[in-house]
Amino acid sequence: MAVKIRMKRVGTKNSPVFRIIVADGRSPRDGKFIEEIGLYQPLKPGDNFTLKLDRAQYWISKGAQPSDTVASFIKKLGKVAPAAA
């Protein structure tokens, strides 16, 4: 089973909101998922995403492959987290 960390669209028409989820690679974009680990609001200015970095790192250590967008979120949080701690 190939596990992916990707986004699931949940917003309304012309107002997109995405949940960052861990899902089987064979399931559809808005279908069944294993765990929800974050939220992305592309129309919100400034800090427009949240992500449970520890859960993302856990799933990556288990072999999950993040999408390109989710990988960029993880990279941004990875740079911010040590400075905040």
PDB file of N, CA and C in Angstrom:
ATOM      1  N   MET A   1       0.845  -1.182   0.000  1.00  0.00           N
ATOM      2  CA  MET A   1       0.000   0.000   0.000  1.00  0.00           C
ATOM      3  C   MET A   1       0.890   1.244   0.000  1.00  0.00           C
ATOM      4  N   ALA A   2       0.729   2.077  -1.033  1.00  0.00           N
ATOM      5  CA  ALA A   2       1.492   3.320  -1.121  1.00  0.00           C
ATOM      6  C   ALA A   2       0.722   4.421  -0.410  1.00  0.00           C
ATOM      7  N   VAL A   3       1.291   4.959   0.651  1.00  0.00           N
ATOM      8  CA  VAL A   3       0.627   6.011   1.419  1.00  0.00           C
ATOM      9  C   VAL A   3       1.136   7.364   0.942  1.00  0.00           C
ATOM     10  N   LYS A   4       0.206   8.305   0.757  1.00  0.00           N
ATOM     11  CA  LYS A   4       0.531   9.645   0.274  1.00  0.00           C
ATOM     12  C   LYS A   4       0.052  10.679   1.282  1.00  0.00           C
ATOM     13  N   ILE A   5       0.776  11.778   1.371  1.00  0.00           N
ATOM     14  CA  ILE A   5       0.329  12.935   2.135  1.00  0.00           C
ATOM     15  C   ILE A   5      -0.052  13.967   1.084  1.00  0.00           C
ATOM     16  N   ARG A   6      -1.346  14.279   1.024  1.00  0.00           N
ATOM     17  CA  ARG A   6      -1.833  15.150  -0.042  1.00  0.00           C
ATOM     18  C   ARG A   6      -2.988  16.003   0.462  1.00  0.00           C
ATOM     19  N   MET A   7      -3.597  16.772  -0.444  1.00  0.00           N
ATOM     20  CA  MET A   7      -4.670  17.676  -0.055  1.00  0.00           C
ATOM     21  C   MET A   7      -6.022  17.171  -0.557  1.00  0.00           C
ATOM     22  N   LYS A   8      -7.042  17.429   0.261  1.00  0.00           N
ATOM     23  CA  LYS A   8      -8.427  17.068  -0.044  1.00  0.00           C
ATOM     24  C   LYS A   8      -9.230  18.361  -0.066  1.00  0.00           C
ATOM     25  N   ARG A   9      -9.927  18.632  -1.153  1.00  0.00           N
ATOM     26  CA  ARG A   9     -10.693  19.886  -1.260  1.00  0.00           C
ATOM     27  C   ARG A   9     -12.017  19.768  -0.504  1.00  0.00           C
ATOM     28  N   VAL A  10     -12.297  20.776   0.332  1.00  0.00           N
ATOM     29  CA  VAL A  10     -13.545  20.772   1.093  1.00  0.00           C
ATOM     30  C   VAL A  10     -14.307  22.083   1.014  1.00  0.00           C
ATOM     31  N   GLY A  11     -13.771  23.132   0.491  1.00  0.00           N
ATOM     32  CA  GLY A  11     -14.432  24.434   0.481  1.00  0.00           C
ATOM     33  C   GLY A  11     -15.614  24.495  -0.470  1.00  0.00           C
ATOM     34  N   THR A  12     -16.228  25.664  -0.562  1.00  0.00           N
ATOM     35  CA  THR A  12     -17.340  25.858  -1.481  1.00  0.00           C
ATOM     36  C   THR A  12     -16.829  26.375  -2.819  1.00  0.00           C
ATOM     37  N   LYS A  13     -17.742  26.520  -3.754  1.00  0.00           N
ATOM     38  CA  LYS A  13     -17.409  27.037  -5.076  1.00  0.00           C
ATOM     39  C   LYS A  13     -16.816  28.437  -4.944  1.00  0.00           C
ATOM     40  N   ASN A  14     -15.710  28.709  -5.578  1.00  0.00           N
ATOM     41  CA  ASN A  14     -14.982  29.994  -5.540  1.00  0.00           C
ATOM     42  C   ASN A  14     -14.411  30.334  -4.169  1.00  0.00           C
ATOM     43  N   SER A  15     -14.418  29.410  -3.234  1.00  0.00           N
ATOM     44  CA  SER A  15     -13.845  29.635  -1.914  1.00  0.00           C
ATOM     45  C   SER A  15     -13.185  28.340  -1.445  1.00  0.00           C
ATOM     46  N   PRO A  16     -12.069  27.965  -2.063  1.00  0.00           N
ATOM     47  CA  PRO A  16     -11.473  26.665  -1.756  1.00  0.00           C
ATOM     48  C   PRO A  16     -10.803  26.613  -0.383  1.00  0.00           C
ATOM     49  N   VAL A  17     -10.932  25.476   0.258  1.00  0.00           N
ATOM     50  CA  VAL A  17     -10.226  25.150   1.489  1.00  0.00           C
ATOM     51  C   VAL A  17      -9.771  23.713   1.318  1.00  0.00           C
ATOM     52  N   PHE A  18      -8.555  23.426   1.713  1.00  0.00           N
ATOM     53  CA  PHE A  18      -8.026  22.084   1.565  1.00  0.00           C
ATOM     54  C   PHE A  18      -7.617  21.520   2.910  1.00  0.00           C
ATOM     55  N   ARG A  19      -7.925  20.261   3.156  1.00  0.00           N
ATOM     56  CA  ARG A  19      -7.417  19.562   4.325  1.00  0.00           C
ATOM     57  C   ARG A  19      -6.189  18.786   3.882  1.00  0.00           C
ATOM     58  N   ILE A  20      -5.150  18.804   4.687  1.00  0.00           N
ATOM     59  CA  ILE A  20      -3.946  18.029   4.398  1.00  0.00           C
ATOM     60  C   ILE A  20      -4.139  16.688   5.091  1.00  0.00           C
ATOM     61  N   ILE A  21      -4.129  15.633   4.284  1.00  0.00           N
ATOM     62  CA  ILE A  21      -4.477  14.306   4.795  1.00  0.00           C
ATOM     63  C   ILE A  21      -3.412  13.277   4.448  1.00  0.00           C
ATOM     64  N   VAL A  22      -3.468  12.161   5.171  1.00  0.00           N
ATOM     65  CA  VAL A  22      -2.668  10.983   4.855  1.00  0.00           C
ATOM     66  C   VAL A  22      -3.646   9.966   4.298  1.00  0.00           C
ATOM     67  N   ALA A  23      -3.392   9.465   3.088  1.00  0.00           N
ATOM     68  CA  ALA A  23      -4.333   8.556   2.444  1.00  0.00           C
ATOM     69  C   ALA A  23      -3.597   7.510   1.632  1.00  0.00           C
ATOM     70  N   ASP A  24      -4.303   6.419   1.376  1.00  0.00           N
ATOM     71  CA  ASP A  24      -3.805   5.399   0.457  1.00  0.00           C
ATOM     72  C   ASP A  24      -3.741   6.036  -0.927  1.00  0.00           C
ATOM     73  N   GLY A  25      -2.697   5.780  -1.672  1.00  0.00           N
ATOM     74  CA  GLY A  25      -2.518   6.370  -2.987  1.00  0.00           C
ATOM     75  C   GLY A  25      -3.595   5.983  -3.977  1.00  0.00           C
ATOM     76  N   ARG A  26      -4.289   4.876  -3.733  1.00  0.00           N
ATOM     77  CA  ARG A  26      -5.323   4.400  -4.654  1.00  0.00           C
ATOM     78  C   ARG A  26      -6.680   5.049  -4.405  1.00  0.00           C
ATOM     79  N   SER A  27      -6.872   5.704  -3.265  1.00  0.00           N
ATOM     80  CA  SER A  27      -8.166   6.309  -2.971  1.00  0.00           C
ATOM     81  C   SER A  27      -8.317   7.629  -3.730  1.00  0.00           C
ATOM     82  N   PRO A  28      -9.558   8.022  -4.076  1.00  0.00           N
ATOM     83  CA  PRO A  28      -9.765   9.271  -4.822  1.00  0.00           C
ATOM     84  C   PRO A  28      -9.423  10.501  -3.989  1.00  0.00           C
ATOM     85  N   ARG A  29      -9.279  11.630  -4.660  1.00  0.00           N
ATOM     86  CA  ARG A  29      -8.836  12.874  -4.005  1.00  0.00           C
ATOM     87  C   ARG A  29      -9.699  13.227  -2.797  1.00  0.00           C
ATOM     88  N   ASP A  30     -11.010  13.150  -2.936  1.00  0.00           N
ATOM     89  CA  ASP A  30     -11.911  13.527  -1.850  1.00  0.00           C
ATOM     90  C   ASP A  30     -12.493  12.311  -1.144  1.00  0.00           C
ATOM     91  N   GLY A  31     -11.847  11.171  -1.283  1.00  0.00           N
ATOM     92  CA  GLY A  31     -12.369   9.936  -0.711  1.00  0.00           C
ATOM     93  C   GLY A  31     -11.831   9.632   0.673  1.00  0.00           C
ATOM     94  N   LYS A  32     -11.770   8.338   0.954  1.00  0.00           N
ATOM     95  CA  LYS A  32     -11.363   7.853   2.259  1.00  0.00           C
ATOM     96  C   LYS A  32      -9.908   8.243   2.575  1.00  0.00           C
ATOM     97  N   PHE A  33      -9.644   8.529   3.855  1.00  0.00           N
ATOM     98  CA  PHE A  33      -8.291   8.875   4.268  1.00  0.00           C
ATOM     99  C   PHE A  33      -7.988   8.251   5.616  1.00  0.00           C
ATOM    100  N   ILE A  34      -6.699   8.208   5.976  1.00  0.00           N
ATOM    101  CA  ILE A  34      -6.251   7.596   7.217  1.00  0.00           C
ATOM    102  C   ILE A  34      -6.266   8.605   8.356  1.00  0.00           C
ATOM    103  N   GLU A  35      -5.699   9.798   8.119  1.00  0.00           N
ATOM    104  CA  GLU A  35      -5.582  10.798   9.172  1.00  0.00           C
ATOM    105  C   GLU A  35      -5.544  12.193   8.559  1.00  0.00           C
ATOM    106  N   GLU A  36      -6.160  13.162   9.242  1.00  0.00           N
ATOM    107  CA  GLU A  36      -6.082  14.559   8.838  1.00  0.00           C
ATOM    108  C   GLU A  36      -4.991  15.230   9.665  1.00  0.00           C
ATOM    109  N   ILE A  37      -4.021  15.861   8.995  1.00  0.00           N
ATOM    110  CA  ILE A  37      -2.903  16.448   9.733  1.00  0.00           C
ATOM    111  C   ILE A  37      -2.749  17.952   9.534  1.00  0.00           C
ATOM    112  N   GLY A  38      -3.636  18.572   8.764  1.00  0.00           N
ATOM    113  CA  GLY A  38      -3.503  20.010   8.586  1.00  0.00           C
ATOM    114  C   GLY A  38      -4.609  20.621   7.764  1.00  0.00           C
ATOM    115  N   LEU A  39      -4.486  21.927   7.513  1.00  0.00           N
ATOM    116  CA  LEU A  39      -5.483  22.699   6.786  1.00  0.00           C
ATOM    117  C   LEU A  39      -4.768  23.769   5.962  1.00  0.00           C
ATOM    118  N   TYR A  40      -5.267  24.011   4.737  1.00  0.00           N
ATOM    119  CA  TYR A  40      -4.704  25.039   3.860  1.00  0.00           C
ATOM    120  C   TYR A  40      -5.845  25.890   3.316  1.00  0.00           C
ATOM    121  N   GLN A  41      -5.754  27.211   3.525  1.00  0.00           N
ATOM    122  CA  GLN A  41      -6.744  28.161   3.031  1.00  0.00           C
ATOM    123  C   GLN A  41      -6.042  29.114   2.070  1.00  0.00           C
ATOM    124  N   PRO A  42      -6.074  28.813   0.756  1.00  0.00           N
ATOM    125  CA  PRO A  42      -5.278  29.603  -0.191  1.00  0.00           C
ATOM    126  C   PRO A  42      -5.702  31.061  -0.334  1.00  0.00           C
ATOM    127  N   LEU A  43      -6.947  31.412  -0.039  1.00  0.00           N
ATOM    128  CA  LEU A  43      -7.393  32.800  -0.196  1.00  0.00           C
ATOM    129  C   LEU A  43      -7.143  33.658   1.035  1.00  0.00           C
ATOM    130  N   LYS A  44      -6.751  33.059   2.135  1.00  0.00           N
ATOM    131  CA  LYS A  44      -6.479  33.802   3.369  1.00  0.00           C
ATOM    132  C   LYS A  44      -5.093  34.450   3.266  1.00  0.00           C
ATOM    133  N   PRO A  45      -4.996  35.750   3.522  1.00  0.00           N
ATOM    134  CA  PRO A  45      -3.686  36.396   3.447  1.00  0.00           C
ATOM    135  C   PRO A  45      -2.802  36.018   4.636  1.00  0.00           C
ATOM    136  N   GLY A  46      -1.514  36.061   4.416  1.00  0.00           N
ATOM    137  CA  GLY A  46      -0.568  35.783   5.510  1.00  0.00           C
ATOM    138  C   GLY A  46      -0.421  34.297   5.785  1.00  0.00           C
ATOM    139  N   ASP A  47      -0.481  33.937   7.049  1.00  0.00           N
ATOM    140  CA  ASP A  47      -0.290  32.545   7.475  1.00  0.00           C
ATOM    141  C   ASP A  47      -1.537  31.737   7.120  1.00  0.00           C
ATOM    142  N   ASN A  48      -1.527  31.068   5.972  1.00  0.00           N
ATOM    143  CA  ASN A  48      -2.739  30.426   5.475  1.00  0.00           C
ATOM    144  C   ASN A  48      -2.749  28.901   5.573  1.00  0.00           C
ATOM    145  N   PHE A  49      -1.806  28.303   6.304  1.00  0.00           N
ATOM    146  CA  PHE A  49      -1.860  26.860   6.483  1.00  0.00           C
ATOM    147  C   PHE A  49      -1.429  26.478   7.891  1.00  0.00           C
ATOM    148  N   THR A  50      -1.971  25.349   8.344  1.00  0.00           N
ATOM    149  CA  THR A  50      -1.555  24.750   9.616  1.00  0.00           C
ATOM    150  C   THR A  50      -1.211  23.302   9.322  1.00  0.00           C
ATOM    151  N   LEU A  51      -0.234  22.782  10.039  1.00  0.00           N
ATOM    152  CA  LEU A  51       0.210  21.414   9.809  1.00  0.00           C
ATOM    153  C   LEU A  51       0.789  20.855  11.094  1.00  0.00           C
ATOM    154  N   LYS A  52       0.395  19.638  11.433  1.00  0.00           N
ATOM    155  CA  LYS A  52       0.973  18.952  12.586  1.00  0.00           C
ATOM    156  C   LYS A  52       2.286  18.342  12.104  1.00  0.00           C
ATOM    157  N   LEU A  53       3.377  19.075  12.325  1.00  0.00           N
ATOM    158  CA  LEU A  53       4.681  18.685  11.794  1.00  0.00           C
ATOM    159  C   LEU A  53       5.137  17.342  12.341  1.00  0.00           C
ATOM    160  N   ASP A  54       4.872  17.061  13.621  1.00  0.00           N
ATOM    161  CA  ASP A  54       5.295  15.787  14.200  1.00  0.00           C
ATOM    162  C   ASP A  54       4.590  14.615  13.525  1.00  0.00           C
ATOM    163  N   ARG A  55       3.306  14.769  13.193  1.00  0.00           N
ATOM    164  CA  ARG A  55       2.570  13.689  12.515  1.00  0.00           C
ATOM    165  C   ARG A  55       3.057  13.523  11.077  1.00  0.00           C
ATOM    166  N   ALA A  56       3.366  14.632  10.407  1.00  0.00           N
ATOM    167  CA  ALA A  56       3.882  14.558   9.042  1.00  0.00           C
ATOM    168  C   ALA A  56       5.220  13.822   9.030  1.00  0.00           C
ATOM    169  N   GLN A  57       6.103  14.166   9.972  1.00  0.00           N
ATOM    170  CA  GLN A  57       7.401  13.493  10.040  1.00  0.00           C
ATOM    171  C   GLN A  57       7.235  12.011  10.385  1.00  0.00           C
ATOM    172  N   TYR A  58       6.262  11.680  11.249  1.00  0.00           N
ATOM    173  CA  TYR A  58       5.992  10.277  11.586  1.00  0.00           C
ATOM    174  C   TYR A  58       5.608   9.500  10.329  1.00  0.00           C
ATOM    175  N   TRP A  59       4.666  10.036   9.545  1.00  0.00           N
ATOM    176  CA  TRP A  59       4.220   9.317   8.346  1.00  0.00           C
ATOM    177  C   TRP A  59       5.325   9.230   7.289  1.00  0.00           C
ATOM    178  N   ILE A  60       6.128  10.253   7.175  1.00  0.00           N
ATOM    179  CA  ILE A  60       7.244  10.203   6.219  1.00  0.00           C
ATOM    180  C   ILE A  60       8.247   9.138   6.656  1.00  0.00           C
ATOM    181  N   SER A  61       8.462   8.997   7.970  1.00  0.00           N
ATOM    182  CA  SER A  61       9.379   7.959   8.465  1.00  0.00           C
ATOM    183  C   SER A  61       8.836   6.564   8.192  1.00  0.00           C
ATOM    184  N   LYS A  62       7.507   6.443   8.051  1.00  0.00           N
ATOM    185  CA  LYS A  62       6.880   5.154   7.743  1.00  0.00           C
ATOM    186  C   LYS A  62       6.815   4.904   6.239  1.00  0.00           C
ATOM    187  N   GLY A  63       7.275   5.859   5.433  1.00  0.00           N
ATOM    188  CA  GLY A  63       7.334   5.660   3.986  1.00  0.00           C
ATOM    189  C   GLY A  63       6.322   6.435   3.176  1.00  0.00           C
ATOM    190  N   ALA A  64       5.555   7.313   3.800  1.00  0.00           N
ATOM    191  CA  ALA A  64       4.567   8.110   3.063  1.00  0.00           C
ATOM    192  C   ALA A  64       5.273   9.129   2.175  1.00  0.00           C
ATOM    193  N   GLN A  65       4.707   9.358   0.997  1.00  0.00           N
ATOM    194  CA  GLN A  65       5.270  10.307   0.045  1.00  0.00           C
ATOM    195  C   GLN A  65       4.424  11.571   0.016  1.00  0.00           C
ATOM    196  N   PRO A  66       4.959  12.743   0.391  1.00  0.00           N
ATOM    197  CA  PRO A  66       4.177  13.979   0.323  1.00  0.00           C
ATOM    198  C   PRO A  66       4.070  14.490  -1.115  1.00  0.00           C
ATOM    199  N   SER A  67       2.947  15.146  -1.426  1.00  0.00           N
ATOM    200  CA  SER A  67       2.814  15.803  -2.725  1.00  0.00           C
ATOM    201  C   SER A  67       3.776  16.990  -2.755  1.00  0.00           C
ATOM    202  N   ASP A  68       3.969  17.581  -3.916  1.00  0.00           N
ATOM    203  CA  ASP A  68       4.899  18.708  -4.036  1.00  0.00           C
ATOM    204  C   ASP A  68       4.482  19.883  -3.149  1.00  0.00           C
ATOM    205  N   THR A  69       3.194  20.193  -3.131  1.00  0.00           N
ATOM    206  CA  THR A  69       2.703  21.316  -2.326  1.00  0.00           C
ATOM    207  C   THR A  69       2.877  21.046  -0.844  1.00  0.00           C
ATOM    208  N   VAL A  70       2.508  19.849  -0.410  1.00  0.00           N
ATOM    209  CA  VAL A  70       2.636  19.502   1.007  1.00  0.00           C
ATOM    210  C   VAL A  70       4.115  19.474   1.408  1.00  0.00           C
ATOM    211  N   ALA A  71       4.984  19.011   0.520  1.00  0.00           N
ATOM    212  CA  ALA A  71       6.415  19.004   0.815  1.00  0.00           C
ATOM    213  C   ALA A  71       6.931  20.436   1.028  1.00  0.00           C
ATOM    214  N   SER A  72       6.401  21.393   0.261  1.00  0.00           N
ATOM    215  CA  SER A  72       6.826  22.789   0.453  1.00  0.00           C
ATOM    216  C   SER A  72       6.336  23.325   1.799  1.00  0.00           C
ATOM    217  N   PHE A  73       5.136  22.917   2.251  1.00  0.00           N
ATOM    218  CA  PHE A  73       4.643  23.317   3.574  1.00  0.00           C
ATOM    219  C   PHE A  73       5.532  22.738   4.670  1.00  0.00           C
ATOM    220  N   ILE A  74       5.910  21.492   4.530  1.00  0.00           N
ATOM    221  CA  ILE A  74       6.769  20.836   5.525  1.00  0.00           C
ATOM    222  C   ILE A  74       8.119  21.541   5.581  1.00  0.00           C
ATOM    223  N   LYS A  75       8.642  21.910   4.409  1.00  0.00           N
ATOM    224  CA  LYS A  75       9.926  22.603   4.343  1.00  0.00           C
ATOM    225  C   LYS A  75       9.845  23.970   5.033  1.00  0.00           C
ATOM    226  N   LYS A  76       8.737  24.715   4.797  1.00  0.00           N
ATOM    227  CA  LYS A  76       8.558  26.018   5.443  1.00  0.00           C
ATOM    228  C   LYS A  76       8.478  25.871   6.953  1.00  0.00           C
ATOM    229  N   LEU A  77       7.709  24.905   7.431  1.00  0.00           N
ATOM    230  CA  LEU A  77       7.566  24.703   8.876  1.00  0.00           C
ATOM    231  C   LEU A  77       8.854  24.202   9.500  1.00  0.00           C
ATOM    232  N   GLY A  78       9.626  23.404   8.764  1.00  0.00           N
ATOM    233  CA  GLY A  78      10.887  22.910   9.256  1.00  0.00           C
ATOM    234  C   GLY A  78      11.876  24.033   9.534  1.00  0.00           C
ATOM    235  N   LYS A  79      11.818  25.096   8.718  1.00  0.00           N
ATOM    236  CA  LYS A  79      12.694  26.249   8.909  1.00  0.00           C
ATOM    237  C   LYS A  79      12.217  27.122  10.062  1.00  0.00           C
ATOM    238  N   VAL A  80      10.908  27.200  10.275  1.00  0.00           N
ATOM    239  CA  VAL A  80      10.334  28.055  11.312  1.00  0.00           C
ATOM    240  C   VAL A  80      10.398  27.405  12.675  1.00  0.00           C
ATOM    241  N   ALA A  81      10.173  26.106  12.756  1.00  0.00           N
ATOM    242  CA  ALA A  81      10.051  25.406  14.047  1.00  0.00           C
ATOM    243  C   ALA A  81      11.285  25.562  14.949  1.00  0.00           C
ATOM    244  N   PRO A  82      12.525  25.380  14.469  1.00  0.00           N
ATOM    245  CA  PRO A  82      13.664  25.527  15.379  1.00  0.00           C
ATOM    246  C   PRO A  82      13.822  26.955  15.921  1.00  0.00           C
ATOM    247  N   ALA A  83      13.464  27.954  15.128  1.00  0.00           N
ATOM    248  CA  ALA A  83      13.589  29.346  15.568  1.00  0.00           C
ATOM    249  C   ALA A  83      12.556  29.658  16.658  1.00  0.00           C
ATOM    250  N   ALA A  84      11.376  29.036  16.571  1.00  0.00           N
ATOM    251  CA  ALA A  84      10.311  29.283  17.548  1.00  0.00           C
ATOM    252  C   ALA A  84      10.594  28.562  18.859  1.00  0.00           C
ATOM    253  N   ALA A  85      11.333  27.487  18.807  1.00  0.00           N
ATOM    254  CA  ALA A  85      11.565  26.678  20.014  1.00  0.00           C
ATOM    255  C   ALA A  85      12.612  27.254  20.925  1.00  0.00           C
TER     256      ALA A  85
END
